[in-house]
Each structure stands twice: as structure tokens, then as C-alpha cells.
């Protein structure tokens, strides 16, 4: 019985420590992300789902944006820096000349 009580106590202590370790995210004010000279990455009815990562391993974080409505995936290469990103163009991802698309439903 003592062993079960000790295990329960350790589990409760672990849960208490985990509760204190919760990281609350902070968000900056919204801003538009541009590609090219003035084209904003649209967030309207298309339902974009962005993923940030250094997709080409050059040290600058790029964007991979999936579009919910069409299922298309666009790649925006960051030609700037992480502090001042530049997305001069976008590429619709394809394989064997066919759009790579993730459909819903």
C-alpha cells in the first residue's frame, strides 16, 4: 500500500510541475506578408495554412502555404533575412507536371 501511495504522490508532483512548465504563446500584431512587389498572400476565402521553415537550408525561414479550398501548396522562398524577410516570388508545387494538392473531406 505504501508503494501505491508513493507512486500516486510522485505522479501528482509530476502533474504539478508540468502545470508550471506550460508555455503561453505571445502574438505580435497582424501584418500582411507580401510576395513580389505588392501582392499580399491572401487570407480571405481560400483558407491558407502557412508553415514556416528553412525549406532550402540557406538559413532564412521560408513559407510553405497550403490553400484549404483548392488543396494547392505554394512555396515562397525568403531571399531576405529572418529579421527582414523578402518573398519575391512563389512556386506552385508540382510532381511529374501535376499540382501537388492535399484535398479535404
PDB file of N, CA and C in Angstrom:
ATOM      1  N   UNK A   1       0.819  -1.189   0.000  1.00  0.00           N
ATOM      2  CA  UNK A   1       0.000   0.000   0.000  1.00  0.00           C
ATOM      3  C   UNK A   1       0.862   1.252   0.000  1.00  0.00           C
ATOM      4  N   UNK A   2       1.975   1.235   0.725  1.00  0.00           N
ATOM      5  CA  UNK A   2       2.853   2.403   0.763  1.00  0.00           C
ATOM      6  C   UNK A   2       3.402   2.705  -0.622  1.00  0.00           C
ATOM      7  N   UNK A   3       3.721   1.656  -1.372  1.00  0.00           N
ATOM      8  CA  UNK A   3       4.294   1.857  -2.700  1.00  0.00           C
ATOM      9  C   UNK A   3       3.290   2.543  -3.630  1.00  0.00           C
ATOM     10  N   UNK A   4       2.036   2.115  -3.574  1.00  0.00           N
ATOM     11  CA  UNK A   4       0.992   2.722  -4.401  1.00  0.00           C
ATOM     12  C   UNK A   4       0.797   4.189  -4.027  1.00  0.00           C
ATOM     13  N   UNK A   5       0.839   4.491  -2.742  1.00  0.00           N
ATOM     14  CA  UNK A   5       0.688   5.876  -2.286  1.00  0.00           C
ATOM     15  C   UNK A   5       1.866   6.713  -2.751  1.00  0.00           C
ATOM     16  N   UNK A   6       3.078   6.147  -2.707  1.00  0.00           N
ATOM     17  CA  UNK A   6       4.268   6.876  -3.146  1.00  0.00           C
ATOM     18  C   UNK A   6       4.189   7.160  -4.652  1.00  0.00           C
ATOM     19  N   UNK A   7       3.772   6.169  -5.419  1.00  0.00           N
ATOM     20  CA  UNK A   7       3.654   6.356  -6.872  1.00  0.00           C
ATOM     21  C   UNK A   7       2.615   7.426  -7.173  1.00  0.00           C
ATOM     22  N   UNK A   8       1.486   7.402  -6.467  1.00  0.00           N
ATOM     23  CA  UNK A   8       0.446   8.415  -6.658  1.00  0.00           C
ATOM     24  C   UNK A   8       0.971   9.800  -6.333  1.00  0.00           C
ATOM     25  N   UNK A   9       1.721   9.918  -5.246  1.00  0.00           N
ATOM     26  CA  UNK A   9       2.274  11.213  -4.850  1.00  0.00           C
ATOM     27  C   UNK A   9       3.263  11.721  -5.894  1.00  0.00           C
ATOM     28  N   UNK A  10       4.101  10.829  -6.413  1.00  0.00           N
ATOM     29  CA  UNK A  10       5.059  11.233  -7.442  1.00  0.00           C
ATOM     30  C   UNK A  10       4.349  11.663  -8.722  1.00  0.00           C
ATOM     31  N   UNK A  11       3.275  10.959  -9.060  1.00  0.00           N
ATOM     32  CA  UNK A  11       2.518  11.334 -10.250  1.00  0.00           C
ATOM     33  C   UNK A  11       1.887  12.702 -10.077  1.00  0.00           C
ATOM     34  N   UNK A  12       1.327  12.986  -8.903  1.00  0.00           N
ATOM     35  CA  UNK A  12       0.736  14.298  -8.641  1.00  0.00           C
ATOM     36  C   UNK A  12       1.789  15.396  -8.681  1.00  0.00           C
ATOM     37  N   UNK A  13       2.971  15.120  -8.134  1.00  0.00           N
ATOM     38  CA  UNK A  13       4.053  16.113  -8.185  1.00  0.00           C
ATOM     39  C   UNK A  13       4.461  16.368  -9.627  1.00  0.00           C
ATOM     40  N   UNK A  14       4.510  15.324 -10.434  1.00  0.00           N
ATOM     41  CA  UNK A  14       4.854  15.474 -11.833  1.00  0.00           C
ATOM     42  C   UNK A  14       3.827  16.314 -12.570  1.00  0.00           C
ATOM     43  N   UNK A  15       2.547  16.088 -12.280  1.00  0.00           N
ATOM     44  CA  UNK A  15       1.493  16.888 -12.900  1.00  0.00           C
ATOM     45  C   UNK A  15       1.585  18.347 -12.473  1.00  0.00           C
ATOM     46  N   UNK A  16       1.882  18.583 -11.193  1.00  0.00           N
ATOM     47  CA  UNK A  16       2.014  19.958 -10.710  1.00  0.00           C
ATOM     48  C   UNK A  16       3.179  20.653 -11.399  1.00  0.00           C
ATOM     49  N   UNK A  17       4.300  19.959 -11.543  1.00  0.00           N
ATOM     50  CA  UNK A  17       5.454  20.552 -12.224  1.00  0.00           C
ATOM     51  C   UNK A  17       5.138  20.817 -13.690  1.00  0.00           C
ATOM     52  N   UNK A  18       4.413  19.907 -14.321  1.00  0.00           N
ATOM     53  CA  UNK A  18       4.047  20.089 -15.726  1.00  0.00           C
ATOM     54  C   UNK A  18       3.133  21.294 -15.884  1.00  0.00           C
ATOM     55  N   UNK A  19       2.248  21.524 -14.913  1.00  0.00           N
ATOM     56  CA  UNK A  19       1.346  22.671 -14.995  1.00  0.00           C
ATOM     57  C   UNK A  19       2.123  23.979 -14.946  1.00  0.00           C
ATOM     58  N   UNK A  20       3.188  24.040 -14.147  1.00  0.00           N
ATOM     59  CA  UNK A  20       4.004  25.247 -14.059  1.00  0.00           C
ATOM     60  C   UNK A  20       4.849  25.448 -15.302  1.00  0.00           C
ATOM     61  N   UNK A  21       5.119  24.381 -16.047  1.00  0.00           N
ATOM     62  CA  UNK A  21       6.004  24.467 -17.208  1.00  0.00           C
ATOM     63  C   UNK A  21       5.264  24.839 -18.487  1.00  0.00           C
ATOM     64  N   UNK A  22       3.963  25.100 -18.409  1.00  0.00           N
ATOM     65  CA  UNK A  22       3.189  25.450 -19.596  1.00  0.00           C
ATOM     66  C   UNK A  22       3.701  26.775 -20.158  1.00  0.00           C
ATOM     67  N   UNK A  23       3.966  26.780 -21.445  1.00  0.00           N
ATOM     68  CA  UNK A  23       4.435  27.999 -22.113  1.00  0.00           C
ATOM     69  C   UNK A  23       3.254  28.643 -22.802  1.00  0.00           C
ATOM     70  N   UNK A  24       2.998  29.884 -22.482  1.00  0.00           N
ATOM     71  CA  UNK A  24       1.901  30.614 -23.096  1.00  0.00           C
ATOM     72  C   UNK A  24       2.456  31.403 -24.268  1.00  0.00           C
ATOM     73  N   UNK A  25       1.954  31.158 -25.482  1.00  0.00           N
ATOM     74  CA  UNK A  25       2.484  31.883 -26.639  1.00  0.00           C
ATOM     75  C   UNK A  25       2.079  33.351 -26.607  1.00  0.00           C
ATOM     76  N   UNK A  26       2.918  34.181 -27.172  1.00  0.00           N
ATOM     77  CA  UNK A  26       2.581  35.593 -27.352  1.00  0.00           C
ATOM     78  C   UNK A  26       2.551  35.863 -28.848  1.00  0.00           C
ATOM     79  N   UNK A  27       1.656  36.720 -29.258  1.00  0.00           N
ATOM     80  CA  UNK A  27       1.467  37.002 -30.669  1.00  0.00           C
ATOM     81  C   UNK A  27       1.703  38.480 -30.946  1.00  0.00           C
ATOM     82  N   UNK A  28       2.391  38.753 -32.036  1.00  0.00           N
ATOM     83  CA  UNK A  28       2.622  40.124 -32.457  1.00  0.00           C
ATOM     84  C   UNK A  28       1.390  40.620 -33.202  1.00  0.00           C
ATOM     85  N   UNK A  29       1.274  41.939 -33.366  1.00  0.00           N
ATOM     86  CA  UNK A  29       0.159  42.461 -34.154  1.00  0.00           C
ATOM     87  C   UNK A  29       0.198  41.883 -35.572  1.00  0.00           C
ATOM     88  N   UNK A  30      -0.967  41.741 -36.169  1.00  0.00           N
ATOM     89  CA  UNK A  30      -1.029  41.177 -37.508  1.00  0.00           C
ATOM     90  C   UNK A  30      -0.390  42.116 -38.527  1.00  0.00           C
ATOM     91  N   UNK A  31       0.141  41.530 -39.553  1.00  0.00           N
ATOM     92  CA  UNK A  31       0.690  42.305 -40.655  1.00  0.00           C
ATOM     93  C   UNK A  31       0.587  41.481 -41.923  1.00  0.00           C
ATOM     94  N   UNK A  32       0.503  42.171 -43.041  1.00  0.00           N
ATOM     95  CA  UNK A  32       0.428  41.482 -44.322  1.00  0.00           C
ATOM     96  C   UNK A  32       1.785  40.934 -44.701  1.00  0.00           C
ATOM     97  N   UNK A  33       1.781  39.807 -45.389  1.00  0.00           N
ATOM     98  CA  UNK A  33       3.005  39.235 -45.933  1.00  0.00           C
ATOM     99  C   UNK A  33       2.925  39.401 -47.434  1.00  0.00           C
ATOM    100  N   UNK A  34       3.948  40.014 -48.009  1.00  0.00           N
ATOM    101  CA  UNK A  34       3.952  40.310 -49.431  1.00  0.00           C
ATOM    102  C   UNK A  34       4.897  39.381 -50.179  1.00  0.00           C
ATOM    103  N   UNK A  35       4.533  39.057 -51.405  1.00  0.00           N
ATOM    104  CA  UNK A  35       5.442  38.386 -52.323  1.00  0.00           C
ATOM    105  C   UNK A  35       5.433  39.218 -53.586  1.00  0.00           C
ATOM    106  N   UNK A  36       6.552  39.256 -54.269  1.00  0.00           N
ATOM    107  CA  UNK A  36       6.660  40.153 -55.413  1.00  0.00           C
ATOM    108  C   UNK A  36       6.675  41.588 -54.935  1.00  0.00           C
ATOM    109  N   UNK A  37       6.255  42.508 -55.781  1.00  0.00           N
ATOM    110  CA  UNK A  37       6.326  43.918 -55.415  1.00  0.00           C
ATOM    111  C   UNK A  37       5.204  44.353 -54.494  1.00  0.00           C
ATOM    112  N   UNK A  38       3.996  43.820 -54.681  1.00  0.00           N
ATOM    113  CA  UNK A  38       2.901  44.298 -53.844  1.00  0.00           C
ATOM    114  C   UNK A  38       1.783  43.281 -53.648  1.00  0.00           C
ATOM    115  N   UNK A  39       1.971  42.046 -54.089  1.00  0.00           N
ATOM    116  CA  UNK A  39       0.921  41.043 -53.957  1.00  0.00           C
ATOM    117  C   UNK A  39       0.912  40.488 -52.537  1.00  0.00           C
ATOM    118  N   UNK A  40      -0.210  40.667 -51.857  1.00  0.00           N
ATOM    119  CA  UNK A  40      -0.347  40.159 -50.489  1.00  0.00           C
ATOM    120  C   UNK A  40      -0.739  38.689 -50.554  1.00  0.00           C
ATOM    121  N   UNK A  41      -0.139  37.877 -49.680  1.00  0.00           N
ATOM    122  CA  UNK A  41      -0.576  36.490 -49.562  1.00  0.00           C
ATOM    123  C   UNK A  41      -1.982  36.541 -48.971  1.00  0.00           C
ATOM    124  N   UNK A  42      -2.951  36.137 -49.745  1.00  0.00           N
ATOM    125  CA  UNK A  42      -4.359  36.302 -49.381  1.00  0.00           C
ATOM    126  C   UNK A  42      -4.755  35.389 -48.225  1.00  0.00           C
ATOM    127  N   UNK A  43      -5.612  35.899 -47.375  1.00  0.00           N
ATOM    128  CA  UNK A  43      -6.117  35.106 -46.262  1.00  0.00           C
ATOM    129  C   UNK A  43      -7.636  35.049 -46.273  1.00  0.00           C
ATOM    130  N   UNK A  44      -8.264  35.464 -47.358  1.00  0.00           N
ATOM    131  CA  UNK A  44      -9.722  35.535 -47.446  1.00  0.00           C
ATOM    132  C   UNK A  44     -10.384  34.179 -47.438  1.00  0.00           C
ATOM    133  N   UNK A  45     -11.169  33.896 -48.456  1.00  0.00           N
ATOM    134  CA  UNK A  45     -11.958  32.668 -48.535  1.00  0.00           C
ATOM    135  C   UNK A  45     -11.125  31.428 -48.836  1.00  0.00           C
ATOM    136  N   UNK A  46      -9.864  31.601 -49.219  1.00  0.00           N
ATOM    137  CA  UNK A  46      -9.053  30.455 -49.618  1.00  0.00           C
ATOM    138  C   UNK A  46      -8.556  29.622 -48.442  1.00  0.00           C
ATOM    139  N   UNK A  47      -8.558  30.183 -47.257  1.00  0.00           N
ATOM    140  CA  UNK A  47      -8.127  29.447 -46.087  1.00  0.00           C
ATOM    141  C   UNK A  47      -6.690  28.994 -46.127  1.00  0.00           C
ATOM    142  N   UNK A  48      -5.713  29.922 -46.251  1.00  0.00           N
ATOM    143  CA  UNK A  48      -4.316  29.495 -46.308  1.00  0.00           C
ATOM    144  C   UNK A  48      -3.846  28.911 -44.984  1.00  0.00           C
ATOM    145  N   UNK A  49      -2.967  27.936 -45.081  1.00  0.00           N
ATOM    146  CA  UNK A  49      -2.388  27.302 -43.902  1.00  0.00           C
ATOM    147  C   UNK A  49      -0.878  27.403 -44.049  1.00  0.00           C
ATOM    148  N   UNK A  50      -0.252  28.449 -43.453  1.00  0.00           N
ATOM    149  CA  UNK A  50       1.195  28.645 -43.634  1.00  0.00           C
ATOM    150  C   UNK A  50       2.022  27.780 -42.700  1.00  0.00           C
ATOM    151  N   UNK A  51       3.180  27.387 -43.185  1.00  0.00           N
ATOM    152  CA  UNK A  51       4.187  26.690 -42.400  1.00  0.00           C
ATOM    153  C   UNK A  51       5.511  27.398 -42.632  1.00  0.00           C
ATOM    154  N   UNK A  52       6.171  27.752 -41.561  1.00  0.00           N
ATOM    155  CA  UNK A  52       7.443  28.459 -41.645  1.00  0.00           C
ATOM    156  C   UNK A  52       8.566  27.468 -41.394  1.00  0.00           C
ATOM    157  N   UNK A  53       9.577  27.518 -42.238  1.00  0.00           N
ATOM    158  CA  UNK A  53      10.731  26.650 -42.059  1.00  0.00           C
ATOM    159  C   UNK A  53      11.802  27.000 -43.058  1.00  0.00           C
ATOM    160  N   UNK A  54      13.001  26.600 -42.775  1.00  0.00           N
ATOM    161  CA  UNK A  54      14.109  26.832 -43.705  1.00  0.00           C
ATOM    162  C   UNK A  54      14.105  25.692 -44.704  1.00  0.00           C
ATOM    163  N   UNK A  55      13.205  25.762 -45.663  1.00  0.00           N
ATOM    164  CA  UNK A  55      12.955  24.667 -46.581  1.00  0.00           C
ATOM    165  C   UNK A  55      14.116  24.395 -47.529  1.00  0.00           C
ATOM    166  N   UNK A  56      14.935  25.413 -47.844  1.00  0.00           N
ATOM    167  CA  UNK A  56      16.064  25.185 -48.764  1.00  0.00           C
ATOM    168  C   UNK A  56      17.413  25.215 -48.040  1.00  0.00           C
ATOM    169  N   UNK A  57      17.409  25.248 -46.730  1.00  0.00           N
ATOM    170  CA  UNK A  57      18.615  25.147 -45.896  1.00  0.00           C
ATOM    171  C   UNK A  57      19.624  26.261 -46.163  1.00  0.00           C
ATOM    172  N   UNK A  58      19.120  27.501 -46.368  1.00  0.00           N
ATOM    173  CA  UNK A  58      20.033  28.626 -46.562  1.00  0.00           C
ATOM    174  C   UNK A  58      20.114  29.527 -45.330  1.00  0.00           C
ATOM    175  N   UNK A  59      19.438  29.164 -44.246  1.00  0.00           N
ATOM    176  CA  UNK A  59      19.474  29.944 -43.010  1.00  0.00           C
ATOM    177  C   UNK A  59      18.331  30.934 -42.874  1.00  0.00           C
ATOM    178  N   UNK A  60      17.582  31.196 -43.946  1.00  0.00           N
ATOM    179  CA  UNK A  60      16.448  32.121 -43.897  1.00  0.00           C
ATOM    180  C   UNK A  60      15.154  31.306 -43.910  1.00  0.00           C
ATOM    181  N   UNK A  61      14.213  31.689 -43.072  1.00  0.00           N
ATOM    182  CA  UNK A  61      12.953  30.956 -42.967  1.00  0.00           C
ATOM    183  C   UNK A  61      12.043  31.282 -44.152  1.00  0.00           C
ATOM    184  N   UNK A  62      11.612  30.237 -44.835  1.00  0.00           N
ATOM    185  CA  UNK A  62      10.733  30.349 -45.996  1.00  0.00           C
ATOM    186  C   UNK A  62       9.301  30.022 -45.570  1.00  0.00           C
ATOM    187  N   UNK A  63       8.377  30.178 -46.513  1.00  0.00           N
ATOM    188  CA  UNK A  63       6.982  29.836 -46.270  1.00  0.00           C
ATOM    189  C   UNK A  63       6.546  28.719 -47.197  1.00  0.00           C
ATOM    190  N   UNK A  64       5.806  27.791 -46.655  1.00  0.00           N
ATOM    191  CA  UNK A  64       5.100  26.790 -47.437  1.00  0.00           C
ATOM    192  C   UNK A  64       3.640  27.018 -47.056  1.00  0.00           C
ATOM    193  N   UNK A  65       2.802  27.344 -48.053  1.00  0.00           N
ATOM    194  CA  UNK A  65       1.423  27.708 -47.767  1.00  0.00           C
ATOM    195  C   UNK A  65       0.480  26.770 -48.500  1.00  0.00           C
ATOM    196  N   UNK A  66      -0.281  26.030 -47.737  1.00  0.00           N
ATOM    197  CA  UNK A  66      -1.330  25.192 -48.299  1.00  0.00           C
ATOM    198  C   UNK A  66      -2.615  25.990 -48.341  1.00  0.00           C
ATOM    199  N   UNK A  67      -3.393  25.791 -49.384  1.00  0.00           N
ATOM    200  CA  UNK A  67      -4.656  26.507 -49.532  1.00  0.00           C
ATOM    201  C   UNK A  67      -5.792  25.514 -49.336  1.00  0.00           C
ATOM    202  N   UNK A  68      -6.589  25.743 -48.328  1.00  0.00           N
ATOM    203  CA  UNK A  68      -7.640  24.806 -47.931  1.00  0.00           C
ATOM    204  C   UNK A  68      -8.624  24.546 -49.061  1.00  0.00           C
ATOM    205  N   UNK A  69      -9.090  25.608 -49.706  1.00  0.00           N
ATOM    206  CA  UNK A  69     -10.139  25.468 -50.704  1.00  0.00           C
ATOM    207  C   UNK A  69      -9.693  24.654 -51.918  1.00  0.00           C
ATOM    208  N   UNK A  70      -8.518  24.959 -52.457  1.00  0.00           N
ATOM    209  CA  UNK A  70      -8.050  24.269 -53.667  1.00  0.00           C
ATOM    210  C   UNK A  70      -7.175  23.061 -53.351  1.00  0.00           C
ATOM    211  N   UNK A  71      -6.555  23.053 -52.177  1.00  0.00           N
ATOM    212  CA  UNK A  71      -5.629  21.992 -51.824  1.00  0.00           C
ATOM    213  C   UNK A  71      -4.224  22.215 -52.355  1.00  0.00           C
ATOM    214  N   UNK A  72      -4.015  23.290 -53.142  1.00  0.00           N
ATOM    215  CA  UNK A  72      -2.688  23.581 -53.693  1.00  0.00           C
ATOM    216  C   UNK A  72      -1.707  23.963 -52.599  1.00  0.00           C
ATOM    217  N   UNK A  73      -0.425  23.761 -52.880  1.00  0.00           N
ATOM    218  CA  UNK A  73       0.638  24.124 -51.953  1.00  0.00           C
ATOM    219  C   UNK A  73       1.609  25.044 -52.685  1.00  0.00           C
ATOM    220  N   UNK A  74       1.869  26.207 -52.081  1.00  0.00           N
ATOM    221  CA  UNK A  74       2.768  27.196 -52.674  1.00  0.00           C
ATOM    222  C   UNK A  74       4.020  27.337 -51.806  1.00  0.00           C
ATOM    223  N   UNK A  75       5.139  27.502 -52.468  1.00  0.00           N
ATOM    224  CA  UNK A  75       6.423  27.718 -51.792  1.00  0.00           C
ATOM    225  C   UNK A  75       6.857  29.153 -52.045  1.00  0.00           C
ATOM    226  N   UNK A  76       7.138  29.886 -50.965  1.00  0.00           N
ATOM    227  CA  UNK A  76       7.637  31.257 -51.021  1.00  0.00           C
ATOM    228  C   UNK A  76       9.046  31.254 -50.442  1.00  0.00           C
ATOM    229  N   UNK A  77      10.059  31.411 -51.284  1.00  0.00           N
ATOM    230  CA  UNK A  77      11.438  31.428 -50.806  1.00  0.00           C
ATOM    231  C   UNK A  77      11.771  32.804 -50.245  1.00  0.00           C
ATOM    232  N   UNK A  78      12.336  32.821 -49.059  1.00  0.00           N
ATOM    233  CA  UNK A  78      12.773  34.060 -48.424  1.00  0.00           C
ATOM    234  C   UNK A  78      14.161  34.408 -48.950  1.00  0.00           C
ATOM    235  N   UNK A  79      14.241  35.484 -49.721  1.00  0.00           N
ATOM    236  CA  UNK A  79      15.543  35.925 -50.230  1.00  0.00           C
ATOM    237  C   UNK A  79      16.146  37.008 -49.347  1.00  0.00           C
ATOM    238  N   UNK A  80      15.453  37.381 -48.280  1.00  0.00           N
ATOM    239  CA  UNK A  80      15.974  38.359 -47.326  1.00  0.00           C
ATOM    240  C   UNK A  80      16.587  37.640 -46.131  1.00  0.00           C
ATOM    241  N   UNK A  81      16.345  38.190 -44.973  1.00  0.00           N
ATOM    242  CA  UNK A  81      16.839  37.593 -43.727  1.00  0.00           C
ATOM    243  C   UNK A  81      15.644  37.223 -42.859  1.00  0.00           C
ATOM    244  N   UNK A  82      15.909  36.579 -41.742  1.00  0.00           N
ATOM    245  CA  UNK A  82      14.817  36.267 -40.825  1.00  0.00           C
ATOM    246  C   UNK A  82      14.246  37.529 -40.198  1.00  0.00           C
ATOM    247  N   UNK A  83      15.068  38.548 -40.015  1.00  0.00           N
ATOM    248  CA  UNK A  83      14.613  39.812 -39.435  1.00  0.00           C
ATOM    249  C   UNK A  83      13.856  40.658 -40.452  1.00  0.00           C
ATOM    250  N   UNK A  84      14.267  40.600 -41.719  1.00  0.00           N
ATOM    251  CA  UNK A  84      13.632  41.356 -42.801  1.00  0.00           C
ATOM    252  C   UNK A  84      13.378  40.423 -43.985  1.00  0.00           C
ATOM    253  N   UNK A  85      12.337  39.589 -43.878  1.00  0.00           N
ATOM    254  CA  UNK A  85      12.093  38.608 -44.932  1.00  0.00           C
ATOM    255  C   UNK A  85      11.603  39.255 -46.223  1.00  0.00           C
ATOM    256  N   UNK A  86      12.007  38.677 -47.341  1.00  0.00           N
ATOM    257  CA  UNK A  86      11.533  39.082 -48.657  1.00  0.00           C
ATOM    258  C   UNK A  86      11.062  37.839 -49.388  1.00  0.00           C
ATOM    259  N   UNK A  87       9.876  37.912 -49.952  1.00  0.00           N
ATOM    260  CA  UNK A  87       9.306  36.800 -50.697  1.00  0.00           C
ATOM    261  C   UNK A  87       9.006  37.283 -52.118  1.00  0.00           C
ATOM    262  N   UNK A  88      10.022  37.337 -52.994  1.00  0.00           N
ATOM    263  CA  UNK A  88       9.846  37.930 -54.322  1.00  0.00           C
ATOM    264  C   UNK A  88       9.002  37.107 -55.286  1.00  0.00           C
ATOM    265  N   UNK A  89       8.838  35.823 -55.042  1.00  0.00           N
ATOM    266  CA  UNK A  89       8.054  35.007 -55.967  1.00  0.00           C
ATOM    267  C   UNK A  89       7.479  33.816 -55.228  1.00  0.00           C
ATOM    268  N   UNK A  90       6.591  33.139 -55.912  1.00  0.00           N
ATOM    269  CA  UNK A  90       6.029  31.914 -55.346  1.00  0.00           C
ATOM    270  C   UNK A  90       6.028  30.838 -56.415  1.00  0.00           C
ATOM    271  N   UNK A  91       6.028  29.595 -55.963  1.00  0.00           N
ATOM    272  CA  UNK A  91       6.042  28.457 -56.868  1.00  0.00           C
ATOM    273  C   UNK A  91       4.920  27.519 -56.440  1.00  0.00           C
ATOM    274  N   UNK A  92       4.097  27.128 -57.384  1.00  0.00           N
ATOM    275  CA  UNK A  92       3.094  26.107 -57.125  1.00  0.00           C
ATOM    276  C   UNK A  92       3.800  24.765 -57.172  1.00  0.00           C
ATOM    277  N   UNK A  93       3.751  24.015 -56.094  1.00  0.00           N
ATOM    278  CA  UNK A  93       4.475  22.747 -56.039  1.00  0.00           C
ATOM    279  C   UNK A  93       3.846  21.718 -56.970  1.00  0.00           C
ATOM    280  N   UNK A  94       4.720  21.055 -57.728  1.00  0.00           N
ATOM    281  CA  UNK A  94       4.282  20.033 -58.667  1.00  0.00           C
ATOM    282  C   UNK A  94       5.210  18.832 -58.605  1.00  0.00           C
ATOM    283  N   UNK A  95       4.687  17.707 -59.045  1.00  0.00           N
ATOM    284  CA  UNK A  95       5.465  16.480 -59.231  1.00  0.00           C
ATOM    285  C   UNK A  95       4.978  15.848 -60.526  1.00  0.00           C
ATOM    286  N   UNK A  96       5.905  15.526 -61.410  1.00  0.00           N
ATOM    287  CA  UNK A  96       5.551  14.962 -62.721  1.00  0.00           C
ATOM    288  C   UNK A  96       4.557  15.843 -63.461  1.00  0.00           C
ATOM    289  N   UNK A  97       4.776  17.155 -63.397  1.00  0.00           N
ATOM    290  CA  UNK A  97       3.957  18.172 -64.076  1.00  0.00           C
ATOM    291  C   UNK A  97       2.509  18.228 -63.562  1.00  0.00           C
ATOM    292  N   UNK A  98       2.232  17.659 -62.411  1.00  0.00           N
ATOM    293  CA  UNK A  98       0.905  17.724 -61.805  1.00  0.00           C
ATOM    294  C   UNK A  98       1.003  18.466 -60.476  1.00  0.00           C
ATOM    295  N   UNK A  99      -0.005  19.298 -60.196  1.00  0.00           N
ATOM    296  CA  UNK A  99      -0.026  20.016 -58.925  1.00  0.00           C
ATOM    297  C   UNK A  99      -0.062  19.037 -57.761  1.00  0.00           C
ATOM    298  N   UNK A 100       0.747  19.317 -56.751  1.00  0.00           N
ATOM    299  CA  UNK A 100       0.671  18.564 -55.513  1.00  0.00           C
ATOM    300  C   UNK A 100      -0.444  19.225 -54.712  1.00  0.00           C
ATOM    301  N   UNK A 101      -1.461  18.492 -54.405  1.00  0.00           N
ATOM    302  CA  UNK A 101      -2.606  19.065 -53.694  1.00  0.00           C
ATOM    303  C   UNK A 101      -3.047  18.105 -52.601  1.00  0.00           C
ATOM    304  N   UNK A 102      -3.430  18.684 -51.487  1.00  0.00           N
ATOM    305  CA  UNK A 102      -3.993  17.919 -50.369  1.00  0.00           C
ATOM    306  C   UNK A 102      -5.454  18.301 -50.262  1.00  0.00           C
ATOM    307  N   UNK A 103      -6.332  17.376 -50.542  1.00  0.00           N
ATOM    308  CA  UNK A 103      -7.751  17.680 -50.516  1.00  0.00           C
ATOM    309  C   UNK A 103      -8.340  17.347 -49.155  1.00  0.00           C
ATOM    310  N   UNK A 104      -9.454  17.930 -48.885  1.00  0.00           N
ATOM    311  CA  UNK A 104     -10.141  17.706 -47.620  1.00  0.00           C
ATOM    312  C   UNK A 104     -11.368  16.836 -47.862  1.00  0.00           C
ATOM    313  N   UNK A 105     -11.895  16.307 -46.783  1.00  0.00           N
ATOM    314  CA  UNK A 105     -13.159  15.588 -46.887  1.00  0.00           C
ATOM    315  C   UNK A 105     -13.060  14.108 -46.734  1.00  0.00           C
TER     316      UNK A 105
END
